[in-house]
Every structure is written in C-alpha cells, then in structure tokens.
C-alpha cells in the first residue's frame, strides 16, 4: 500500500506488481489520448498509423490500428488499449510505456 498526501489528505493506493507478460490491456483515459496527440506532434494520423503498422511488422497477435481508431484513442473514446498496440506506439515514438500511460513503473529482475 502506498500513501500519497495531497493537500492535507492521505490517499491510499494499492499497488500490485505482476509480470508484464501477464498483462493484455492497459487502462486508457482522455489524458492518455491528449498525451498521445501531443507526442504525435505534426505527424499526420495516416503517417503515424503507417509507422505503427511498420513497427508491428508481421503482428502475430492480430493487433489492428486505423486512422479512425487512432483518432478515437486521442479523443479518449476507448477505456483500454492492447498491450501490443501500446508497445508499438511507444516504439514508434521512442518513449517508455509510462511516458504514454498514466502509470509509474519500476523494473525488477526476478
């Protein structure tokens, strides 16, 4: 349990640590979408989708992305994002997953 103090209140937030290969989806919020749009910058959605598809390569997981779905992600219309798609987006942007999502992370070797 992690305690966070904000303006005189103590918020308790439970942190669960699980191996990343056990995760199939991440929570997606409007702030994630806004961050994605900002990080994409002046790259058109069409070009960005093409870059993501290139990053996904053969894509044995069957992950799909379109200009329309990218726009929906940017507008916060989805509640979650596939792990493989989020990883491809991060690789395309050359950022870490916590740079895209509303999460903090720590790498622990077992």
Protein backbone atom coordinates (compact mmCIF):
# COMPACT_ATOMS: atom_id res chain seq x y z
CA UNK A 1 0.00 0.00 0.00
CA UNK A 2 1.37 3.41 -0.98
CA UNK A 3 0.23 6.55 0.81
CA UNK A 4 0.04 9.76 -1.21
CA UNK A 5 -0.50 13.07 0.53
CA UNK A 6 -2.42 15.69 -1.44
CA UNK A 7 -3.47 18.99 0.14
CA UNK A 8 -3.83 17.58 3.63
CA UNK A 9 -5.50 14.33 2.58
CA UNK A 10 -3.80 10.97 2.59
CA UNK A 11 -4.88 8.78 -0.29
CA UNK A 12 -4.12 5.09 -0.09
CA UNK A 13 -3.44 3.40 -3.38
CA UNK A 14 -2.83 -0.29 -3.63
CA UNK A 15 0.00 -1.23 -5.98
CA UNK A 16 0.03 -4.70 -7.50
CA UNK A 17 3.22 -5.90 -9.16
CA UNK A 18 2.73 -8.52 -11.85
CA UNK A 19 4.95 -9.68 -14.72
CA UNK A 20 4.32 -7.68 -17.90
CA UNK A 21 3.69 -10.88 -19.88
CA UNK A 22 0.54 -11.35 -17.75
CA UNK A 23 -0.91 -8.04 -18.99
CA UNK A 24 -3.05 -7.93 -22.11
CA UNK A 25 -4.55 -4.43 -21.80
CA UNK A 26 -3.93 -1.10 -20.05
CA UNK A 27 -6.50 1.41 -18.84
CA UNK A 28 -6.87 4.30 -21.31
CA UNK A 29 -8.03 7.79 -20.33
CA UNK A 30 -8.65 11.10 -22.04
CA UNK A 31 -5.35 12.38 -20.63
CA UNK A 32 -3.58 9.42 -22.29
CA UNK A 33 -5.24 10.38 -25.57
CA UNK A 34 -4.23 14.00 -25.21
CA UNK A 35 -0.68 12.94 -24.40
CA UNK A 36 -0.63 10.68 -27.48
CA UNK A 37 -1.83 13.54 -29.68
CA UNK A 38 0.82 15.86 -28.24
CA UNK A 39 3.57 13.26 -28.66
CA UNK A 40 2.48 12.57 -32.25
CA UNK A 41 3.01 16.25 -32.94
CA UNK A 42 2.72 17.36 -36.55
CA UNK A 43 2.84 13.84 -37.97
CA UNK A 44 -0.44 13.17 -39.76
CA UNK A 45 -2.62 10.41 -38.35
CA UNK A 46 -2.25 8.47 -41.63
CA UNK A 47 1.57 8.62 -41.49
CA UNK A 48 1.57 7.76 -37.79
CA UNK A 49 -0.69 4.74 -38.34
CA UNK A 50 1.64 3.59 -41.15
CA UNK A 51 4.63 3.90 -38.81
CA UNK A 52 2.82 1.91 -36.10
CA UNK A 53 1.92 -0.80 -38.62
CA UNK A 54 5.56 -0.95 -39.72
CA UNK A 55 6.61 -1.31 -36.05
CA UNK A 56 4.04 -4.09 -35.55
CA UNK A 57 5.54 -5.98 -38.50
CA UNK A 58 4.00 -9.42 -39.08
CA UNK A 59 1.88 -8.86 -35.97
CA UNK A 60 1.11 -12.43 -34.87
CA UNK A 61 -1.07 -11.01 -32.07
CA UNK A 62 -3.58 -9.67 -34.61
CA UNK A 63 -3.39 -6.09 -33.34
CA UNK A 64 -5.06 -3.62 -35.68
CA UNK A 65 -4.87 0.17 -35.91
CA UNK A 66 -6.60 2.56 -38.30
CA UNK A 67 -6.76 6.32 -38.65
CA UNK A 68 -10.27 6.23 -37.18
CA UNK A 69 -9.21 4.16 -34.15
CA UNK A 70 -6.15 6.40 -33.60
CA UNK A 71 -8.47 9.41 -33.54
CA UNK A 72 -10.75 7.60 -31.09
CA UNK A 73 -7.76 6.86 -28.84
CA UNK A 74 -6.71 10.51 -28.99
CA UNK A 75 -10.23 11.61 -28.05
CA UNK A 76 -10.39 9.19 -25.12
CA UNK A 77 -13.19 7.13 -26.67
CA UNK A 78 -11.70 3.78 -25.58
CA UNK A 79 -11.44 2.54 -22.00
CA UNK A 80 -8.38 0.38 -22.60
CA UNK A 81 -5.55 -0.25 -25.05
CA UNK A 82 -3.98 -3.53 -26.10
CA UNK A 83 -0.53 -4.16 -24.67
CA UNK A 84 0.99 -4.90 -28.09
CA UNK A 85 -0.53 -1.78 -29.64
CA UNK A 86 0.66 0.42 -26.76
CA UNK A 87 4.14 -1.08 -27.09
CA UNK A 88 4.17 -0.41 -30.85
CA UNK A 89 3.05 3.19 -30.25
CA UNK A 90 5.81 3.65 -27.68
CA UNK A 91 8.43 2.15 -30.01
CA UNK A 92 7.23 4.42 -32.82
CA UNK A 93 7.51 7.46 -30.53
CA UNK A 94 10.74 6.18 -28.91
CA UNK A 95 9.30 6.52 -25.40
CA UNK A 96 8.66 4.18 -22.47
CA UNK A 97 5.19 2.89 -21.60
CA UNK A 98 4.93 5.15 -18.56
CA UNK A 99 5.60 8.07 -20.90
CA UNK A 100 2.33 7.26 -22.65
CA UNK A 101 0.09 5.94 -19.89
CA UNK A 102 -0.97 7.30 -16.52
CA UNK A 103 1.27 4.86 -14.65
CA UNK A 104 4.53 4.69 -12.86
CA UNK A 105 6.79 1.72 -13.29
CA UNK A 106 9.78 0.02 -11.84
CA UNK A 107 11.78 -2.80 -13.42
CA UNK A 108 12.55 -5.67 -11.12
CA UNK A 109 14.50 -8.70 -12.24
CA UNK A 110 13.47 -12.00 -10.74
